[in-house]
């Protein structure tokens, strides 16, 4: 792993410390890495949804119901 030096605003630093104080994470590094992983995962999921919407718009129609689309979306997000 590479070492980085970053500066946080006071409110962000206090929030990070509160997460560690609550023993949610053992260090700021662990927490920041987890936040980055979550952001990267969200980005992949958003890209998947955008691609699906783009394909649907280009096709002009879909035979999937709104419930089917929602179910597929949740499934790809790991929530269903």
N, C-alpha and C. Protein backbone atom coordinates (compact mmCIF):
# COMPACT_ATOMS: atom_id res chain seq x y z
N UNK A 1 0.83 -1.18 0.00
CA UNK A 1 0.00 0.00 0.00
C UNK A 1 0.88 1.24 0.00
N UNK A 2 0.38 2.26 -0.65
CA UNK A 2 1.12 3.52 -0.64
C UNK A 2 0.61 4.41 0.48
N UNK A 3 1.52 5.18 1.03
CA UNK A 3 1.16 6.12 2.09
C UNK A 3 0.81 7.45 1.45
N UNK A 4 -0.21 8.09 2.00
CA UNK A 4 -0.64 9.39 1.52
C UNK A 4 -0.82 10.30 2.72
N UNK A 5 -0.65 11.56 2.50
CA UNK A 5 -0.91 12.55 3.53
C UNK A 5 -2.07 13.41 3.03
N UNK A 6 -3.17 13.43 3.78
CA UNK A 6 -4.31 14.22 3.37
C UNK A 6 -4.77 15.09 4.54
N UNK A 7 -5.43 16.16 4.20
CA UNK A 7 -5.93 17.10 5.20
C UNK A 7 -7.45 17.10 5.16
N UNK A 8 -8.07 17.07 6.32
CA UNK A 8 -9.53 17.08 6.41
C UNK A 8 -10.01 18.39 7.00
N UNK A 9 -11.19 18.80 6.61
CA UNK A 9 -11.80 19.94 7.28
C UNK A 9 -12.14 19.52 8.70
N UNK A 10 -12.32 20.48 9.58
CA UNK A 10 -12.61 20.16 10.98
C UNK A 10 -13.85 19.28 11.12
N UNK A 11 -14.98 19.62 10.47
CA UNK A 11 -16.17 18.75 10.61
C UNK A 11 -15.92 17.32 10.11
N UNK A 12 -15.20 17.19 9.01
CA UNK A 12 -14.92 15.85 8.49
C UNK A 12 -13.99 15.07 9.42
N UNK A 13 -12.99 15.75 9.96
CA UNK A 13 -12.08 15.09 10.89
C UNK A 13 -12.82 14.64 12.15
N UNK A 14 -13.70 15.49 12.66
CA UNK A 14 -14.48 15.12 13.85
C UNK A 14 -15.39 13.93 13.55
N UNK A 15 -15.97 13.89 12.36
CA UNK A 15 -16.83 12.76 11.99
C UNK A 15 -16.00 11.48 11.92
N UNK A 16 -14.83 11.57 11.30
CA UNK A 16 -13.95 10.40 11.23
C UNK A 16 -13.59 9.90 12.63
N UNK A 17 -13.22 10.82 13.50
CA UNK A 17 -12.87 10.45 14.88
C UNK A 17 -14.05 9.80 15.59
N UNK A 18 -15.26 10.31 15.34
CA UNK A 18 -16.44 9.74 16.01
C UNK A 18 -16.67 8.30 15.57
N UNK A 19 -16.40 8.00 14.29
CA UNK A 19 -16.56 6.63 13.81
C UNK A 19 -15.56 5.70 14.49
N UNK A 20 -14.36 6.19 14.68
CA UNK A 20 -13.33 5.39 15.34
C UNK A 20 -13.66 5.24 16.82
N UNK A 21 -14.12 6.33 17.46
CA UNK A 21 -14.50 6.26 18.87
C UNK A 21 -15.63 5.26 19.11
N UNK A 22 -16.52 5.13 18.14
CA UNK A 22 -17.63 4.17 18.26
C UNK A 22 -17.19 2.76 17.86
N UNK A 23 -15.91 2.64 17.56
CA UNK A 23 -15.32 1.36 17.17
C UNK A 23 -15.94 0.78 15.91
N UNK A 24 -16.43 1.69 15.04
CA UNK A 24 -16.91 1.26 13.73
C UNK A 24 -15.71 0.85 12.86
N UNK A 25 -14.62 1.56 13.07
CA UNK A 25 -13.37 1.32 12.34
C UNK A 25 -12.22 1.45 13.32
N UNK A 26 -11.11 0.82 12.98
CA UNK A 26 -9.96 0.88 13.90
C UNK A 26 -9.04 2.06 13.61
N UNK A 27 -9.17 2.64 12.41
CA UNK A 27 -8.30 3.77 12.06
C UNK A 27 -8.96 4.62 10.98
N UNK A 28 -8.46 5.84 10.84
CA UNK A 28 -8.95 6.71 9.78
C UNK A 28 -8.65 6.10 8.41
N UNK A 29 -7.50 5.47 8.27
CA UNK A 29 -7.14 4.85 7.00
C UNK A 29 -8.14 3.78 6.60
N UNK A 30 -8.50 2.95 7.56
CA UNK A 30 -9.48 1.90 7.28
C UNK A 30 -10.81 2.50 6.84
N UNK A 31 -11.24 3.54 7.53
CA UNK A 31 -12.50 4.20 7.21
C UNK A 31 -12.45 4.86 5.83
N UNK A 32 -11.38 5.60 5.55
CA UNK A 32 -11.27 6.26 4.25
C UNK A 32 -11.23 5.23 3.12
N UNK A 33 -10.48 4.14 3.31
CA UNK A 33 -10.45 3.09 2.29
C UNK A 33 -11.83 2.49 2.07
N UNK A 34 -12.60 2.28 3.15
CA UNK A 34 -13.94 1.75 3.02
C UNK A 34 -14.85 2.72 2.26
N UNK A 35 -14.75 4.01 2.57
CA UNK A 35 -15.55 5.01 1.87
C UNK A 35 -15.21 5.04 0.38
N UNK A 36 -13.94 4.91 0.06
CA UNK A 36 -13.52 4.88 -1.35
C UNK A 36 -14.07 3.64 -2.04
N UNK A 37 -13.99 2.48 -1.37
CA UNK A 37 -14.55 1.25 -1.95
C UNK A 37 -16.05 1.41 -2.22
N UNK A 38 -16.76 2.00 -1.26
CA UNK A 38 -18.20 2.22 -1.44
C UNK A 38 -18.47 3.15 -2.62
N UNK A 39 -17.69 4.21 -2.74
CA UNK A 39 -17.86 5.16 -3.85
C UNK A 39 -17.57 4.48 -5.19
N UNK A 40 -16.53 3.65 -5.23
CA UNK A 40 -16.21 2.94 -6.47
C UNK A 40 -17.32 1.97 -6.85
N UNK A 41 -17.85 1.26 -5.86
CA UNK A 41 -18.95 0.33 -6.12
C UNK A 41 -20.18 1.08 -6.62
N UNK A 42 -20.48 2.20 -5.99
CA UNK A 42 -21.63 3.00 -6.42
C UNK A 42 -21.44 3.49 -7.85
N UNK A 43 -20.22 3.86 -8.19
CA UNK A 43 -19.93 4.34 -9.54
C UNK A 43 -20.20 3.25 -10.57
N UNK A 44 -19.78 2.03 -10.28
CA UNK A 44 -20.02 0.90 -11.18
C UNK A 44 -21.52 0.67 -11.33
N UNK A 45 -22.23 0.73 -10.22
CA UNK A 45 -23.68 0.50 -10.26
C UNK A 45 -24.39 1.60 -11.05
N UNK A 46 -23.97 2.84 -10.86
CA UNK A 46 -24.56 3.95 -11.60
C UNK A 46 -24.28 3.80 -13.10
N UNK A 47 -23.06 3.40 -13.44
CA UNK A 47 -22.73 3.18 -14.85
C UNK A 47 -23.61 2.09 -15.45
N UNK A 48 -23.88 1.01 -14.70
CA UNK A 48 -24.73 -0.08 -15.19
C UNK A 48 -26.14 0.43 -15.44
N UNK A 49 -26.67 1.21 -14.50
CA UNK A 49 -28.03 1.74 -14.65
C UNK A 49 -28.09 2.70 -15.84
N UNK A 50 -27.07 3.57 -15.98
CA UNK A 50 -27.04 4.50 -17.12
C UNK A 50 -27.01 3.74 -18.44
N UNK A 51 -26.22 2.68 -18.52
CA UNK A 51 -26.13 1.89 -19.74
C UNK A 51 -27.48 1.25 -20.06
N UNK A 52 -28.15 0.74 -19.04
CA UNK A 52 -29.46 0.12 -19.24
C UNK A 52 -30.47 1.16 -19.72
N UNK A 53 -30.45 2.33 -19.12
CA UNK A 53 -31.36 3.40 -19.53
C UNK A 53 -31.05 3.83 -20.96
N UNK A 54 -29.76 3.96 -21.28
CA UNK A 54 -29.35 4.36 -22.61
C UNK A 54 -29.83 3.36 -23.65
N UNK A 55 -29.63 2.05 -23.37
CA UNK A 55 -30.10 1.02 -24.30
C UNK A 55 -31.61 1.07 -24.46
N UNK A 56 -32.31 1.28 -23.36
CA UNK A 56 -33.78 1.33 -23.42
C UNK A 56 -34.24 2.54 -24.23
N UNK A 57 -33.60 3.68 -24.01
CA UNK A 57 -33.98 4.88 -24.75
C UNK A 57 -33.71 4.71 -26.24
N UNK A 58 -32.59 4.08 -26.58
CA UNK A 58 -32.26 3.89 -27.99
C UNK A 58 -33.19 2.88 -28.66
N UNK A 59 -33.69 1.92 -27.90
CA UNK A 59 -34.59 0.93 -28.48
C UNK A 59 -36.00 1.50 -28.65
N UNK A 60 -36.30 2.55 -27.90
CA UNK A 60 -37.59 3.19 -28.04
C UNK A 60 -38.66 2.61 -27.14
N UNK A 61 -38.43 1.43 -26.60
CA UNK A 61 -39.41 0.83 -25.72
C UNK A 61 -38.79 -0.31 -24.93
N UNK A 62 -39.50 -0.74 -23.92
CA UNK A 62 -39.11 -1.94 -23.18
C UNK A 62 -40.37 -2.72 -22.85
N UNK A 63 -40.24 -4.00 -22.79
CA UNK A 63 -41.38 -4.82 -22.41
C UNK A 63 -41.36 -5.12 -20.91
N UNK A 64 -40.28 -4.71 -20.24
CA UNK A 64 -40.19 -4.92 -18.80
C UNK A 64 -41.13 -3.97 -18.07
N UNK A 65 -41.77 -4.48 -17.04
CA UNK A 65 -42.61 -3.62 -16.20
C UNK A 65 -41.70 -2.81 -15.28
N UNK A 66 -42.25 -1.76 -14.69
CA UNK A 66 -41.44 -0.96 -13.77
C UNK A 66 -40.98 -1.82 -12.59
N UNK A 67 -41.82 -2.78 -12.15
CA UNK A 67 -41.43 -3.67 -11.07
C UNK A 67 -40.26 -4.57 -11.47
N UNK A 68 -40.27 -5.04 -12.72
CA UNK A 68 -39.17 -5.89 -13.21
C UNK A 68 -37.87 -5.09 -13.30
N UNK A 69 -37.97 -3.87 -13.79
CA UNK A 69 -36.78 -3.02 -13.89
C UNK A 69 -36.23 -2.73 -12.50
N UNK A 70 -37.12 -2.42 -11.56
CA UNK A 70 -36.69 -2.15 -10.19
C UNK A 70 -36.03 -3.38 -9.59
N UNK A 71 -36.62 -4.56 -9.80
CA UNK A 71 -36.06 -5.80 -9.27
C UNK A 71 -34.67 -6.06 -9.86
N UNK A 72 -34.50 -5.86 -11.16
CA UNK A 72 -33.20 -6.04 -11.79
C UNK A 72 -32.17 -5.07 -11.25
N UNK A 73 -32.60 -3.83 -11.06
CA UNK A 73 -31.70 -2.81 -10.53
C UNK A 73 -31.25 -3.16 -9.13
N UNK A 74 -32.20 -3.54 -8.27
CA UNK A 74 -31.86 -3.91 -6.89
C UNK A 74 -30.96 -5.13 -6.87
N UNK A 75 -31.24 -6.08 -7.74
CA UNK A 75 -30.41 -7.29 -7.80
C UNK A 75 -28.98 -6.96 -8.17
N UNK A 76 -28.79 -6.05 -9.12
CA UNK A 76 -27.43 -5.70 -9.53
C UNK A 76 -26.72 -4.89 -8.46
N UNK A 77 -27.49 -4.24 -7.59
CA UNK A 77 -26.90 -3.46 -6.49
C UNK A 77 -26.65 -4.32 -5.26
N UNK A 78 -27.07 -5.58 -5.33
CA UNK A 78 -26.89 -6.47 -4.19
C UNK A 78 -27.92 -6.29 -3.11
N UNK A 79 -29.06 -5.65 -3.46
CA UNK A 79 -30.11 -5.39 -2.47
C UNK A 79 -31.35 -6.24 -2.73
N UNK A 80 -31.29 -7.21 -3.54
CA UNK A 80 -32.53 -7.89 -3.81
C UNK A 80 -32.32 -9.29 -4.11
